[in-house]
PDB file of N, CA and C in Angstrom:
ATOM      1  N   MET A   1     165.211 109.830  30.144  1.00  0.00           N
ATOM      2  CA  MET A   1     165.743 109.448  31.426  1.00  0.00           C
ATOM      3  C   MET A   1     166.298 110.697  32.114  1.00  0.00           C
ATOM      4  N   ASN A   2     165.926 110.907  33.357  1.00  0.00           N
ATOM      5  CA  ASN A   2     166.437 112.095  34.042  1.00  0.00           C
ATOM      6  C   ASN A   2     167.771 111.790  34.718  1.00  0.00           C
ATOM      7  N   GLU A   3     168.445 112.834  35.140  1.00  0.00           N
ATOM      8  CA  GLU A   3     169.775 112.702  35.715  1.00  0.00           C
ATOM      9  C   GLU A   3     169.779 111.931  37.030  1.00  0.00           C
ATOM     10  N   GLU A   4     168.631 111.890  37.705  1.00  0.00           N
ATOM     11  CA  GLU A   4     168.560 111.226  38.999  1.00  0.00           C
ATOM     12  C   GLU A   4     168.492 109.707  38.860  1.00  0.00           C
ATOM     13  N   THR A   5     168.108 109.219  37.708  1.00  0.00           N
ATOM     14  CA  THR A   5     167.953 107.783  37.495  1.00  0.00           C
ATOM     15  C   THR A   5     169.303 107.160  37.170  1.00  0.00           C
ATOM     16  N   GLU A   6     169.714 106.208  37.985  1.00  0.00           N
ATOM     17  CA  GLU A   6     170.971 105.511  37.734  1.00  0.00           C
ATOM     18  C   GLU A   6     170.672 104.259  36.924  1.00  0.00           C
ATOM     19  N   VAL A   7     171.331 104.140  35.801  1.00  0.00           N
ATOM     20  CA  VAL A   7     171.167 102.973  34.942  1.00  0.00           C
ATOM     21  C   VAL A   7     171.906 101.806  35.578  1.00  0.00           C
ATOM     22  N   LYS A   8     171.240 100.672  35.684  1.00  0.00           N
ATOM     23  CA  LYS A   8     171.868  99.469  36.214  1.00  0.00           C
ATOM     24  C   LYS A   8     172.366  98.632  35.047  1.00  0.00           C
ATOM     25  N   PRO A   9     173.670  98.404  34.973  1.00  0.00           N
ATOM     26  CA  PRO A   9     174.190  97.611  33.861  1.00  0.00           C
ATOM     27  C   PRO A   9     173.770  96.147  33.960  1.00  0.00           C
ATOM     28  N   ASP A  10     173.585  95.522  32.798  1.00  0.00           N
ATOM     29  CA  ASP A  10     173.255  94.102  32.749  1.00  0.00           C
ATOM     30  C   ASP A  10     174.517  93.245  32.827  1.00  0.00           C
ATOM     31  N   GLU A  11     175.632  93.788  32.322  1.00  0.00           N
ATOM     32  CA  GLU A  11     176.926  93.097  32.362  1.00  0.00           C
ATOM     33  C   GLU A  11     178.017  94.131  32.603  1.00  0.00           C
ATOM     34  N   THR A  12     179.116  93.680  33.205  1.00  0.00           N
ATOM     35  CA  THR A  12     180.277  94.548  33.431  1.00  0.00           C
ATOM     36  C   THR A  12     181.493  93.934  32.759  1.00  0.00           C
ATOM     37  N   LEU A  13     182.234  94.778  32.046  1.00  0.00           N
ATOM     38  CA  LEU A  13     183.480  94.380  31.399  1.00  0.00           C
ATOM     39  C   LEU A  13     184.616  95.124  32.084  1.00  0.00           C
ATOM     40  N   ASP A  14     185.520  94.385  32.701  1.00  0.00           N
ATOM     41  CA  ASP A  14     186.655  94.981  33.407  1.00  0.00           C
ATOM     42  C   ASP A  14     187.876  94.973  32.493  1.00  0.00           C
ATOM     43  N   CYS A  15     188.265  96.155  32.028  1.00  0.00           N
ATOM     44  CA  CYS A  15     189.442  96.297  31.170  1.00  0.00           C
ATOM     45  C   CYS A  15     190.564  97.039  31.888  1.00  0.00           C
ATOM     46  N   ILE A  16     190.535  97.054  33.219  1.00  0.00           N
ATOM     47  CA  ILE A  16     191.580  97.717  33.995  1.00  0.00           C
ATOM     48  C   ILE A  16     192.917  97.035  33.701  1.00  0.00           C
ATOM     49  N   GLY A  17     193.924  97.849  33.386  1.00  0.00           N
ATOM     50  CA  GLY A  17     195.255  97.317  33.105  1.00  0.00           C
ATOM     51  C   GLY A  17     195.471  96.958  31.639  1.00  0.00           C
ATOM     52  N   LEU A  18     194.432  97.079  30.818  1.00  0.00           N
ATOM     53  CA  LEU A  18     194.545  96.788  29.391  1.00  0.00           C
ATOM     54  C   LEU A  18     194.579  98.095  28.615  1.00  0.00           C
ATOM     55  N   PHE A  19     195.384  98.123  27.570  1.00  0.00           N
ATOM     56  CA  PHE A  19     195.539  99.364  26.819  1.00  0.00           C
ATOM     57  C   PHE A  19     195.219  99.165  25.348  1.00  0.00           C
ATOM     58  N   CYS A  20     194.980 100.290  24.680  1.00  0.00           N
ATOM     59  CA  CYS A  20     194.582 100.347  23.285  1.00  0.00           C
ATOM     60  C   CYS A  20     195.379  99.353  22.444  1.00  0.00           C
ATOM     61  N   PRO A  21     194.690  98.576  21.650  1.00  0.00           N
ATOM     62  CA  PRO A  21     193.265  98.614  21.301  1.00  0.00           C
ATOM     63  C   PRO A  21     192.417  97.571  22.028  1.00  0.00           C
ATOM     64  N   ILE A  22     192.974  96.919  23.052  1.00  0.00           N
ATOM     65  CA  ILE A  22     192.279  95.801  23.701  1.00  0.00           C
ATOM     66  C   ILE A  22     190.917  96.192  24.304  1.00  0.00           C
ATOM     67  N   PRO A  23     190.780  97.337  25.016  1.00  0.00           N
ATOM     68  CA  PRO A  23     189.448  97.667  25.546  1.00  0.00           C
ATOM     69  C   PRO A  23     188.367  97.766  24.466  1.00  0.00           C
ATOM     70  N   VAL A  24     188.711  98.295  23.302  1.00  0.00           N
ATOM     71  CA  VAL A  24     187.724  98.391  22.220  1.00  0.00           C
ATOM     72  C   VAL A  24     187.388  97.000  21.685  1.00  0.00           C
ATOM     73  N   PHE A  25     188.389  96.148  21.491  1.00  0.00           N
ATOM     74  CA  PHE A  25     188.134  94.778  21.029  1.00  0.00           C
ATOM     75  C   PHE A  25     187.251  94.034  22.024  1.00  0.00           C
ATOM     76  N   ASN A  26     187.593  94.134  23.311  1.00  0.00           N
ATOM     77  CA  ASN A  26     186.824  93.431  24.339  1.00  0.00           C
ATOM     78  C   ASN A  26     185.403  93.970  24.437  1.00  0.00           C
ATOM     79  N   THR A  27     185.233  95.289  24.257  1.00  0.00           N
ATOM     80  CA  THR A  27     183.900  95.893  24.287  1.00  0.00           C
ATOM     81  C   THR A  27     183.060  95.368  23.127  1.00  0.00           C
ATOM     82  N   THR A  28     183.673  95.252  21.960  1.00  0.00           N
ATOM     83  CA  THR A  28     182.967  94.710  20.789  1.00  0.00           C
ATOM     84  C   THR A  28     182.482  93.297  21.064  1.00  0.00           C
ATOM     85  N   GLU A  29     183.336  92.458  21.629  1.00  0.00           N
ATOM     86  CA  GLU A  29     182.946  91.085  21.944  1.00  0.00           C
ATOM     87  C   GLU A  29     181.851  91.057  23.007  1.00  0.00           C
ATOM     88  N   ALA A  30     182.000  91.858  24.049  1.00  0.00           N
ATOM     89  CA  ALA A  30     181.049  91.838  25.158  1.00  0.00           C
ATOM     90  C   ALA A  30     179.673  92.363  24.758  1.00  0.00           C
ATOM     91  N   ILE A  31     179.614  93.391  23.927  1.00  0.00           N
ATOM     92  CA  ILE A  31     178.316  93.965  23.537  1.00  0.00           C
ATOM     93  C   ILE A  31     177.499  92.928  22.771  1.00  0.00           C
ATOM     94  N   ASN A  32     178.181  92.025  22.087  1.00  0.00           N
ATOM     95  CA  ASN A  32     177.491  90.995  21.319  1.00  0.00           C
ATOM     96  C   ASN A  32     176.976  89.839  22.172  1.00  0.00           C
ATOM     97  N   THR A  33     177.315  89.833  23.457  1.00  0.00           N
ATOM     98  CA  THR A  33     176.839  88.773  24.349  1.00  0.00           C
ATOM     99  C   THR A  33     175.586  89.191  25.117  1.00  0.00           C
ATOM    100  N   ILE A  34     175.207  90.470  25.010  1.00  0.00           N
ATOM    101  CA  ILE A  34     173.997  90.930  25.709  1.00  0.00           C
ATOM    102  C   ILE A  34     172.894  91.176  24.681  1.00  0.00           C
ATOM    103  N   ASN A  35     171.678  91.277  25.173  1.00  0.00           N
ATOM    104  CA  ASN A  35     170.527  91.488  24.297  1.00  0.00           C
ATOM    105  C   ASN A  35     170.368  92.960  23.927  1.00  0.00           C
ATOM    106  N   ILE A  36     169.715  93.204  22.803  1.00  0.00           N
ATOM    107  CA  ILE A  36     169.390  94.572  22.398  1.00  0.00           C
ATOM    108  C   ILE A  36     168.581  95.225  23.511  1.00  0.00           C
ATOM    109  N   GLY A  37     168.963  96.454  23.871  1.00  0.00           N
ATOM    110  CA  GLY A  37     168.292  97.176  24.946  1.00  0.00           C
ATOM    111  C   GLY A  37     168.969  97.021  26.297  1.00  0.00           C
ATOM    112  N   GLU A  38     169.860  96.044  26.416  1.00  0.00           N
ATOM    113  CA  GLU A  38     170.588  95.864  27.665  1.00  0.00           C
ATOM    114  C   GLU A  38     171.799  96.797  27.694  1.00  0.00           C
ATOM    115  N   VAL A  39     172.370  96.960  28.888  1.00  0.00           N
ATOM    116  CA  VAL A  39     173.452  97.929  29.097  1.00  0.00           C
ATOM    117  C   VAL A  39     174.722  97.220  29.545  1.00  0.00           C
ATOM    118  N   LEU A  40     175.811  97.576  28.880  1.00  0.00           N
ATOM    119  CA  LEU A  40     177.139  97.081  29.220  1.00  0.00           C
ATOM    120  C   LEU A  40     177.904  98.173  29.953  1.00  0.00           C
ATOM    121  N   GLU A  41     178.459  97.827  31.094  1.00  0.00           N
ATOM    122  CA  GLU A  41     179.339  98.726  31.839  1.00  0.00           C
ATOM    123  C   GLU A  41     180.771  98.347  31.493  1.00  0.00           C
ATOM    124  N   VAL A  42     181.566  99.331  31.076  1.00  0.00           N
ATOM    125  CA  VAL A  42     182.975  99.102  30.749  1.00  0.00           C
ATOM    126  C   VAL A  42     183.823  99.922  31.713  1.00  0.00           C
ATOM    127  N   LEU A  43     184.745  99.246  32.386  1.00  0.00           N
ATOM    128  CA  LEU A  43     185.680  99.904  33.300  1.00  0.00           C
ATOM    129  C   LEU A  43     187.072  99.799  32.702  1.00  0.00           C
ATOM    130  N   THR A  44     187.767 100.917  32.608  1.00  0.00           N
ATOM    131  CA  THR A  44     189.112 100.927  32.031  1.00  0.00           C
ATOM    132  C   THR A  44     189.935 102.049  32.657  1.00  0.00           C
ATOM    133  N   ASP A  45     191.254 101.852  32.643  1.00  0.00           N
ATOM    134  CA  ASP A  45     192.145 102.921  33.106  1.00  0.00           C
ATOM    135  C   ASP A  45     193.026 103.417  31.961  1.00  0.00           C
ATOM    136  N   ASP A  46     192.675 103.039  30.738  1.00  0.00           N
ATOM    137  CA  ASP A  46     193.411 103.478  29.552  1.00  0.00           C
ATOM    138  C   ASP A  46     192.970 104.886  29.171  1.00  0.00           C
ATOM    139  N   PRO A  47     193.866 105.884  29.247  1.00  0.00           N
ATOM    140  CA  PRO A  47     193.476 107.254  28.897  1.00  0.00           C
ATOM    141  C   PRO A  47     192.924 107.382  27.476  1.00  0.00           C
ATOM    142  N   ALA A  48     193.406 106.556  26.556  1.00  0.00           N
ATOM    143  CA  ALA A  48     192.924 106.608  25.167  1.00  0.00           C
ATOM    144  C   ALA A  48     191.454 106.199  25.060  1.00  0.00           C
ATOM    145  N   SER A  49     190.963 105.446  26.035  1.00  0.00           N
ATOM    146  CA  SER A  49     189.573 104.974  25.977  1.00  0.00           C
ATOM    147  C   SER A  49     188.564 106.114  26.052  1.00  0.00           C
ATOM    148  N   THR A  50     188.970 107.254  26.622  1.00  0.00           N
ATOM    149  CA  THR A  50     188.038 108.378  26.721  1.00  0.00           C
ATOM    150  C   THR A  50     187.632 108.895  25.351  1.00  0.00           C
ATOM    151  N   GLN A  51     188.460 108.646  24.357  1.00  0.00           N
ATOM    152  CA  GLN A  51     188.122 108.993  22.976  1.00  0.00           C
ATOM    153  C   GLN A  51     187.719 107.756  22.180  1.00  0.00           C
ATOM    154  N   ASP A  52     188.411 106.640  22.421  1.00  0.00           N
ATOM    155  CA  ASP A  52     188.179 105.424  21.636  1.00  0.00           C
ATOM    156  C   ASP A  52     186.785 104.833  21.837  1.00  0.00           C
ATOM    157  N   ILE A  53     186.337 104.731  23.073  1.00  0.00           N
ATOM    158  CA  ILE A  53     185.031 104.087  23.347  1.00  0.00           C
ATOM    159  C   ILE A  53     183.879 104.919  22.782  1.00  0.00           C
ATOM    160  N   PRO A  54     183.826 106.243  23.006  1.00  0.00           N
ATOM    161  CA  PRO A  54     182.744 107.025  22.379  1.00  0.00           C
ATOM    162  C   PRO A  54     182.760 106.945  20.851  1.00  0.00           C
ATOM    163  N   ARG A  55     183.941 106.976  20.245  1.00  0.00           N
ATOM    164  CA  ARG A  55     184.032 106.838  18.777  1.00  0.00           C
ATOM    165  C   ARG A  55     183.522 105.479  18.326  1.00  0.00           C
ATOM    166  N   TRP A  56     183.905 104.445  19.061  1.00  0.00           N
ATOM    167  CA  TRP A  56     183.457 103.084  18.742  1.00  0.00           C
ATOM    168  C   TRP A  56     181.930 103.005  18.822  1.00  0.00           C
ATOM    169  N   ALA A  57     181.352 103.563  19.879  1.00  0.00           N
ATOM    170  CA  ALA A  57     179.891 103.519  20.041  1.00  0.00           C
ATOM    171  C   ALA A  57     179.196 104.222  18.880  1.00  0.00           C
ATOM    172  N   LYS A  58     179.701 105.386  18.501  1.00  0.00           N
ATOM    173  CA  LYS A  58     179.103 106.130  17.386  1.00  0.00           C
ATOM    174  C   LYS A  58     179.232 105.350  16.078  1.00  0.00           C
ATOM    175  N   ARG A  59     180.402 104.795  15.844  1.00  0.00           N
ATOM    176  CA  ARG A  59     180.664 104.069  14.604  1.00  0.00           C
ATOM    177  C   ARG A  59     179.823 102.790  14.497  1.00  0.00           C
ATOM    178  N   THR A  60     179.607 102.119  15.611  1.00  0.00           N
ATOM    179  CA  THR A  60     178.876 100.849  15.597  1.00  0.00           C
ATOM    180  C   THR A  60     177.381 101.024  15.814  1.00  0.00           C
ATOM    181  N   GLY A  61     176.954 102.242  16.166  1.00  0.00           N
ATOM    182  CA  GLY A  61     175.532 102.511  16.323  1.00  0.00           C
ATOM    183  C   GLY A  61     174.963 102.193  17.694  1.00  0.00           C
ATOM    184  N   HIS A  62     175.833 101.939  18.673  1.00  0.00           N
ATOM    185  CA  HIS A  62     175.356 101.704  20.033  1.00  0.00           C
ATOM    186  C   HIS A  62     175.287 103.044  20.777  1.00  0.00           C
ATOM    187  N   LYS A  63     174.524 103.072  21.855  1.00  0.00           N
ATOM    188  CA  LYS A  63     174.263 104.336  22.541  1.00  0.00           C
ATOM    189  C   LYS A  63     175.107 104.455  23.810  1.00  0.00           C
ATOM    190  N   LEU A  64     175.988 105.463  23.833  1.00  0.00           N
ATOM    191  CA  LEU A  64     176.759 105.748  25.034  1.00  0.00           C
ATOM    192  C   LEU A  64     175.851 106.515  25.982  1.00  0.00           C
ATOM    193  N   LEU A  65     175.452 105.855  27.061  1.00  0.00           N
ATOM    194  CA  LEU A  65     174.515 106.465  28.010  1.00  0.00           C
ATOM    195  C   LEU A  65     175.215 107.358  29.022  1.00  0.00           C
ATOM    196  N   LYS A  66     176.438 106.973  29.403  1.00  0.00           N
ATOM    197  CA  LYS A  66     177.105 107.708  30.469  1.00  0.00           C
ATOM    198  C   LYS A  66     178.602 107.470  30.414  1.00  0.00           C
ATOM    199  N   PHE A  67     179.356 108.523  30.730  1.00  0.00           N
ATOM    200  CA  PHE A  67     180.797 108.438  30.906  1.00  0.00           C
ATOM    201  C   PHE A  67     181.130 109.072  32.242  1.00  0.00           C
ATOM    202  N   GLU A  68     181.954 108.401  33.042  1.00  0.00           N
ATOM    203  CA  GLU A  68     182.393 108.951  34.322  1.00  0.00           C
ATOM    204  C   GLU A  68     183.904 108.808  34.454  1.00  0.00           C
ATOM    205  N   ASP A  69     184.556 109.893  34.842  1.00  0.00           N
ATOM    206  CA  ASP A  69     185.961 109.854  35.214  1.00  0.00           C
ATOM    207  C   ASP A  69     185.972 109.637  36.720  1.00  0.00           C
ATOM    208  N   GLN A  70     186.371 108.438  37.142  1.00  0.00           N
ATOM    209  CA  GLN A  70     186.329 108.092  38.563  1.00  0.00           C
ATOM    210  C   GLN A  70     187.686 108.265  39.244  1.00  0.00           C
ATOM    211  N   GLY A  71     188.542 109.062  38.622  1.00  0.00           N
ATOM    212  CA  GLY A  71     189.849 109.335  39.216  1.00  0.00           C
ATOM    213  C   GLY A  71     190.895 108.338  38.772  1.00  0.00           C
ATOM    214  N   ASP A  72     190.819 107.111  39.293  1.00  0.00           N
ATOM    215  CA  ASP A  72     191.807 106.099  38.915  1.00  0.00           C
ATOM    216  C   ASP A  72     191.357 105.240  37.741  1.00  0.00           C
ATOM    217  N   ASN A  73     190.112 105.409  37.319  1.00  0.00           N
ATOM    218  CA  ASN A  73     189.625 104.694  36.147  1.00  0.00           C
ATOM    219  C   ASN A  73     188.440 105.426  35.528  1.00  0.00           C
ATOM    220  N   PHE A  74     188.016 104.931  34.368  1.00  0.00           N
ATOM    221  CA  PHE A  74     186.882 105.507  33.639  1.00  0.00           C
ATOM    222  C   PHE A  74     185.773 104.472  33.568  1.00  0.00           C
ATOM    223  N   ARG A  75     184.538 104.958  33.569  1.00  0.00           N
ATOM    224  CA  ARG A  75     183.367 104.075  33.518  1.00  0.00           C
ATOM    225  C   ARG A  75     182.469 104.531  32.376  1.00  0.00           C
ATOM    226  N   PHE A  76     182.095 103.584  31.539  1.00  0.00           N
ATOM    227  CA  PHE A  76     181.190 103.834  30.417  1.00  0.00           C
ATOM    228  C   PHE A  76     179.971 102.939  30.570  1.00  0.00           C
ATOM    229  N   LEU A  77     178.796 103.475  30.275  1.00  0.00           N
ATOM    230  CA  LEU A  77     177.579 102.678  30.183  1.00  0.00           C
ATOM    231  C   LEU A  77     177.107 102.760  28.738  1.00  0.00           C
ATOM    232  N   ILE A  78     177.006 101.608  28.096  1.00  0.00           N
ATOM    233  CA  ILE A  78     176.686 101.543  26.679  1.00  0.00           C
ATOM    234  C   ILE A  78     175.470 100.642  26.477  1.00  0.00           C
ATOM    235  N   GLU A  79     174.464 101.172  25.810  1.00  0.00           N
ATOM    236  CA  GLU A  79     173.266 100.388  25.506  1.00  0.00           C
ATOM    237  C   GLU A  79     173.426  99.737  24.140  1.00  0.00           C
ATOM    238  N   ARG A  80     173.170  98.425  24.090  1.00  0.00           N
ATOM    239  CA  ARG A  80     173.201  97.728  22.802  1.00  0.00           C
ATOM    240  C   ARG A  80     171.935  98.099  22.032  1.00  0.00           C
ATOM    241  N   THR A  81     172.104  98.609  20.833  1.00  0.00           N
ATOM    242  CA  THR A  81     170.956  99.080  20.053  1.00  0.00           C
ATOM    243  C   THR A  81     170.660  98.241  18.829  1.00  0.00           C
ATOM    244  N   LYS A  82     171.572  97.331  18.472  1.00  0.00           N
ATOM    245  CA  LYS A  82     171.294  96.476  17.315  1.00  0.00           C
ATOM    246  C   LYS A  82     172.025  95.168  17.408  1.00  0.00           C
TER     247      LYS A  82
END
């Protein structure tokens, strides 16, 4: 996938206002509601999520496609791989 292609998420999880460990718990639940190959968008304003979500993706075997610092919040795109 080239940098010009924007991935369209299949589902969005809004974790704004929630702090560790809730965004990781909610991401775990949400990833299990989509099909393998689909993409989950996670929005959070928890500073710890910048480390927690990538670690979670690596540990669980899902693919972190994109991370964006949007100023007032963070955006993750995660592909379900299993």
